[in-house]
C-alpha atoms as a PDB file:
ATOM      1  CA  MET A   1     -65.835 -60.597  60.056  1.00  0.00           C
ATOM      2  CA  VAL A   2     -67.369 -57.024  60.429  1.00  0.00           C
ATOM      3  CA  ASP A   3     -69.033 -56.266  63.770  1.00  0.00           C
ATOM      4  CA  GLN A   4     -72.720 -55.670  63.864  1.00  0.00           C
ATOM      5  CA  ILE A   5     -73.529 -52.336  62.365  1.00  0.00           C
ATOM      6  CA  THR A   6     -76.869 -50.393  62.840  1.00  0.00           C
ATOM      7  CA  VAL A   7     -78.916 -48.741  60.162  1.00  0.00           C
ATOM      8  CA  GLU A   8     -77.932 -45.472  61.653  1.00  0.00           C
ATOM      9  CA  GLN A   9     -74.375 -46.146  61.493  1.00  0.00           C
ATOM     10  CA  LEU A  10     -74.692 -47.216  57.748  1.00  0.00           C
ATOM     11  CA  ASP A  11     -76.774 -44.219  56.989  1.00  0.00           C
ATOM     12  CA  LYS A  12     -73.893 -42.136  58.396  1.00  0.00           C
ATOM     13  CA  ILE A  13     -71.312 -43.977  56.340  1.00  0.00           C
ATOM     14  CA  LEU A  14     -73.355 -43.583  53.212  1.00  0.00           C
ATOM     15  CA  GLU A  15     -73.701 -39.927  53.876  1.00  0.00           C
ATOM     16  CA  SER A  16     -69.669 -39.660  53.871  1.00  0.00           C
ATOM     17  CA  LEU A  17     -69.911 -42.031  50.659  1.00  0.00           C
ATOM     18  CA  PHE A  18     -72.171 -39.569  48.937  1.00  0.00           C
ATOM     19  CA  ASP A  19     -70.409 -36.404  50.203  1.00  0.00           C
ATOM     20  CA  LYS A  20     -67.025 -37.798  48.934  1.00  0.00           C
ATOM     21  CA  ARG A  21     -68.538 -38.741  45.627  1.00  0.00           C
ATOM     22  CA  ILE A  22     -69.720 -35.077  45.085  1.00  0.00           C
ATOM     23  CA  GLU A  23     -66.140 -33.786  46.111  1.00  0.00           C
ATOM     24  CA  VAL A  24     -64.787 -36.193  43.364  1.00  0.00           C
ATOM     25  CA  ASP A  25     -67.309 -35.065  40.774  1.00  0.00           C
ATOM     26  CA  GLU A  26     -66.441 -31.190  41.646  1.00  0.00           C
ATOM     27  CA  ALA A  27     -62.685 -32.021  41.354  1.00  0.00           C
ATOM     28  CA  THR A  28     -63.125 -33.909  38.060  1.00  0.00           C
ATOM     29  CA  ALA A  29     -65.066 -31.018  36.752  1.00  0.00           C
ATOM     30  CA  ALA A  30     -62.324 -28.406  37.861  1.00  0.00           C
ATOM     31  CA  LYS A  31     -59.666 -30.808  36.364  1.00  0.00           C
ATOM     32  CA  THR A  32     -61.497 -30.836  32.915  1.00  0.00           C
ATOM     33  CA  LYS A  33     -61.834 -27.056  32.919  1.00  0.00           C
ATOM     34  CA  LEU A  34     -58.040 -26.597  33.661  1.00  0.00           C
ATOM     35  CA  GLU A  35     -57.167 -29.109  30.897  1.00  0.00           C
ATOM     36  CA  ASN A  36     -59.492 -27.258  28.348  1.00  0.00           C
ATOM     37  CA  GLU A  37     -57.793 -23.922  29.491  1.00  0.00           C
ATOM     38  CA  LEU A  38     -54.282 -25.574  28.901  1.00  0.00           C
ATOM     39  CA  ARG A  39     -55.282 -26.860  25.669  1.00  0.00           C
ATOM     40  CA  ALA A  40     -56.465 -23.404  24.536  1.00  0.00           C
ATOM     41  CA  LEU A  41     -53.042 -21.798  25.748  1.00  0.00           C
ATOM     42  CA  LYS A  42     -51.246 -24.489  23.877  1.00  0.00           C
ATOM     43  CA  THR A  43     -52.977 -23.640  20.554  1.00  0.00           C
ATOM     44  CA  VAL A  44     -52.200 -19.898  21.147  1.00  0.00           C
ATOM     45  CA  VAL A  45     -48.555 -20.716  21.596  1.00  0.00           C
ATOM     46  CA  ILE A  46     -48.414 -22.936  18.522  1.00  0.00           C
ATOM     47  CA  LEU A  47     -50.049 -20.024  16.440  1.00  0.00           C
ATOM     48  CA  HIS A  48     -47.356 -17.661  17.563  1.00  0.00           C
ATOM     49  CA  LEU A  49     -44.663 -20.105  16.979  1.00  0.00           C
ATOM     50  CA  LYS A  50     -45.795 -20.712  13.536  1.00  0.00           C
ATOM     51  CA  GLU A  51     -46.239 -16.807  13.033  1.00  0.00           C
ATOM     52  CA  LEU A  52     -42.403 -16.465  14.049  1.00  0.00           C
ATOM     53  CA  ASP A  53     -41.519 -19.522  11.884  1.00  0.00           C
ATOM     54  CA  ARG A  54     -40.147 -21.244  14.844  1.00  0.00           C
ATOM     55  CA  SER A  55     -40.699 -24.839  16.189  1.00  0.00           C
ATOM     56  CA  ASN A  56     -39.412 -24.279  19.665  1.00  0.00           C
ATOM     57  CA  TYR A  57     -38.879 -21.488  22.294  1.00  0.00           C
ATOM     58  CA  ALA A  58     -37.079 -21.020  25.464  1.00  0.00           C
ATOM     59  CA  GLY A  59     -38.318 -18.644  28.040  1.00  0.00           C
ATOM     60  CA  GLY A  60     -37.695 -17.770  31.579  1.00  0.00           C
ATOM     61  CA  ARG A  61     -39.640 -20.651  32.965  1.00  0.00           C
ATOM     62  CA  GLY A  62     -38.694 -23.393  30.668  1.00  0.00           C
ATOM     63  CA  SER A  63     -39.065 -24.400  27.021  1.00  0.00           C
ATOM     64  CA  VAL A  64     -41.603 -25.447  24.403  1.00  0.00           C
ATOM     65  CA  THR A  65     -41.252 -27.524  21.358  1.00  0.00           C
ATOM     66  CA  MET A  66     -43.790 -27.880  18.684  1.00  0.00           C
ATOM     67  CA  SER A  67     -44.334 -31.507  17.197  1.00  0.00           C
ATOM     68  CA  GLU A  68     -46.863 -33.343  15.034  1.00  0.00           C
ATOM     69  CA  LYS A  69     -48.450 -36.548  16.075  1.00  0.00           C
ATOM     70  CA  ARG A  70     -50.444 -38.604  13.832  1.00  0.00           C
ATOM     71  CA  ASN A  71     -53.100 -41.060  14.906  1.00  0.00           C
ATOM     72  CA  VAL A  72     -55.222 -43.453  12.906  1.00  0.00           C
ATOM     73  CA  THR A  73     -58.490 -45.125  13.841  1.00  0.00           C
ATOM     74  CA  MET A  74     -59.289 -48.758  13.843  1.00  0.00           C
ATOM     75  CA  PRO A  75     -60.812 -50.211  10.681  1.00  0.00           C
ATOM     76  CA  LYS A  76     -64.332 -49.109  10.345  1.00  0.00           C
ATOM     77  CA  ASP A  77     -65.780 -52.603   9.518  1.00  0.00           C
ATOM     78  CA  VAL A  78     -64.840 -56.162   8.963  1.00  0.00           C
ATOM     79  CA  GLU A  79     -64.063 -55.715   5.354  1.00  0.00           C
ATOM     80  CA  HIS A  80     -61.451 -53.068   6.138  1.00  0.00           C
ATOM     81  CA  LYS A  81     -60.136 -54.765   9.039  1.00  0.00           C
ATOM     82  CA  ASN A  82     -59.499 -58.013   6.746  1.00  0.00           C
ATOM     83  CA  MET A  83     -57.653 -55.891   4.296  1.00  0.00           C
ATOM     84  CA  LEU A  84     -55.441 -54.607   6.971  1.00  0.00           C
ATOM     85  CA  TRP A  85     -54.830 -58.302   8.418  1.00  0.00           C
ATOM     86  CA  SER A  86     -54.065 -59.418   4.853  1.00  0.00           C
ATOM     87  CA  TRP A  87     -51.591 -56.671   4.477  1.00  0.00           C
ATOM     88  CA  MET A  88     -49.997 -57.432   7.785  1.00  0.00           C
ATOM     89  CA  ARG A  89     -49.790 -61.137   7.102  1.00  0.00           C
ATOM     90  CA  ASP A  90     -48.124 -60.422   3.544  1.00  0.00           C
ATOM     91  CA  ARG A  91     -45.425 -58.521   5.539  1.00  0.00           C
ATOM     92  CA  ASP A  92     -45.285 -61.254   8.330  1.00  0.00           C
ATOM     93  CA  ILE A  93     -46.137 -58.748  11.029  1.00  0.00           C
ATOM     94  CA  PHE A  94     -49.545 -59.947  11.835  1.00  0.00           C
ATOM     95  CA  ASP A  95     -48.597 -61.535  15.177  1.00  0.00           C
ATOM     96  CA  GLN A  96     -46.645 -58.519  16.204  1.00  0.00           C
ATOM     97  CA  TYR A  97     -49.517 -55.934  15.605  1.00  0.00           C
ATOM     98  CA  ALA A  98     -52.878 -57.817  15.492  1.00  0.00           C
ATOM     99  CA  THR A  99     -53.929 -57.649  19.139  1.00  0.00           C
ATOM    100  CA  VAL A 100     -57.111 -57.613  21.036  1.00  0.00           C
ATOM    101  CA  ASN A 101     -57.674 -54.700  23.270  1.00  0.00           C
ATOM    102  CA  SER A 102     -58.373 -55.085  26.961  1.00  0.00           C
ATOM    103  CA  ARG A 103     -62.052 -54.173  26.723  1.00  0.00           C
ATOM    104  CA  SER A 104     -62.696 -56.427  23.970  1.00  0.00           C
ATOM    105  CA  LEU A 105     -60.745 -59.273  25.701  1.00  0.00           C
ATOM    106  CA  ASN A 106     -62.675 -58.653  29.086  1.00  0.00           C
ATOM    107  CA  ALA A 107     -66.072 -58.721  27.067  1.00  0.00           C
ATOM    108  CA  LEU A 108     -65.105 -62.047  25.438  1.00  0.00           C
ATOM    109  CA  TYR A 109     -63.987 -63.582  28.915  1.00  0.00           C
ATOM    110  CA  LYS A 110     -67.123 -62.564  30.561  1.00  0.00           C
ATOM    111  CA  ALA A 111     -69.355 -63.994  27.608  1.00  0.00           C
ATOM    112  CA  GLU A 112     -67.286 -67.285  27.806  1.00  0.00           C
ATOM    113  CA  TYR A 113     -67.412 -67.438  31.626  1.00  0.00           C
ATOM    114  CA  GLN A 114     -71.108 -66.711  31.362  1.00  0.00           C
ATOM    115  CA  ALA A 115     -71.804 -69.677  28.901  1.00  0.00           C
ATOM    116  CA  ALA A 116     -69.529 -71.961  31.149  1.00  0.00           C
ATOM    117  CA  LEU A 117     -71.533 -70.812  34.277  1.00  0.00           C
ATOM    118  CA  GLU A 118     -74.814 -71.904  32.422  1.00  0.00           C
ATOM    119  CA  LYS A 119     -73.523 -75.436  31.395  1.00  0.00           C
ATOM    120  CA  GLY A 120     -72.934 -76.213  35.146  1.00  0.00           C
ATOM    121  CA  PRO A 121     -70.128 -76.712  37.772  1.00  0.00           C
ATOM    122  CA  ASP A 122     -68.369 -79.076  35.678  1.00  0.00           C
ATOM    123  CA  ALA A 123     -67.777 -76.673  32.936  1.00  0.00           C
ATOM    124  CA  LEU A 124     -66.955 -73.966  35.307  1.00  0.00           C
ATOM    125  CA  MET A 125     -64.324 -75.838  37.041  1.00  0.00           C
ATOM    126  CA  THR A 126     -62.530 -76.276  33.679  1.00  0.00           C
ATOM    127  CA  PHE A 127     -63.034 -72.912  32.222  1.00  0.00           C
ATOM    128  CA  SER A 128     -60.225 -70.944  30.857  1.00  0.00           C
ATOM    129  CA  LEU A 129     -59.203 -68.943  27.716  1.00  0.00           C
ATOM    130  CA  PRO A 130     -56.084 -70.454  26.246  1.00  0.00           C
ATOM    131  CA  GLY A 131     -53.047 -68.186  26.989  1.00  0.00           C
ATOM    132  CA  ILE A 132     -54.945 -66.095  29.388  1.00  0.00           C
ATOM    133  CA  GLU A 133     -54.024 -66.025  33.135  1.00  0.00           C
ATOM    134  CA  ALA A 134     -56.873 -66.315  35.736  1.00  0.00           C
ATOM    135  CA  PRO A 135     -58.642 -63.136  36.260  1.00  0.00           C
ATOM    136  CA  THR A 136     -58.239 -60.763  39.126  1.00  0.00           C
ATOM    137  CA  VAL A 137     -61.511 -60.325  41.033  1.00  0.00           C
ATOM    138  CA  HIS A 138     -62.542 -57.241  42.939  1.00  0.00           C
ATOM    139  CA  GLU A 139     -65.787 -56.121  44.356  1.00  0.00           C
ATOM    140  CA  ASP A 140     -67.108 -52.806  43.386  1.00  0.00           C
ATOM    141  CA  LEU A 141     -69.874 -50.504  44.643  1.00  0.00           C
ATOM    142  CA  THR A 142     -72.350 -48.545  42.460  1.00  0.00           C
ATOM    143  CA  ILE A 143     -73.295 -45.239  43.683  1.00  0.00           C
ATOM    144  CA  ARG A 144     -76.471 -43.660  42.561  1.00  0.00           C
ATOM    145  CA  LYS A 145     -78.054 -40.398  43.966  1.00  0.00           C
ATOM    146  CA  SER A 146     -81.311 -40.437  45.567  1.00  0.00           C
ATOM    147  CA  ARG A 147     -84.327 -39.290  43.316  1.00  0.00           C
ATOM    148  CA  LYS A 148     -85.719 -37.269  46.047  1.00  0.00           C
END
């Protein structure tokens, strides 16, 4: 149990909270700037390696190796998703690759939990999603700047 706190004490804690939030935002912006600079330098090195017809280079502080990475996007609509799933089923790899991402799974859980909650205590007591462990629950705090 937390001891009694005064409004003045809570105001002081909130001041620290908002100061820390500003500090984090500034550090995040600085990190983003550094990452963009790093990305630009990598592009320059790749261009020079290509000019030299090389895929790697060893210098005094280390080495660099150029590689290609290919990424695809998820199917753009249900029709394309079904085409992919059909292809995977034909190759008997559907169960291996057809997964639900974490964000979608949590959205589904939240919707089903809300539906059970609306049905009442009995439905909530027996609520679960097949194959899914009980959720971890944590409390969070939304921080918004004053509109002064």
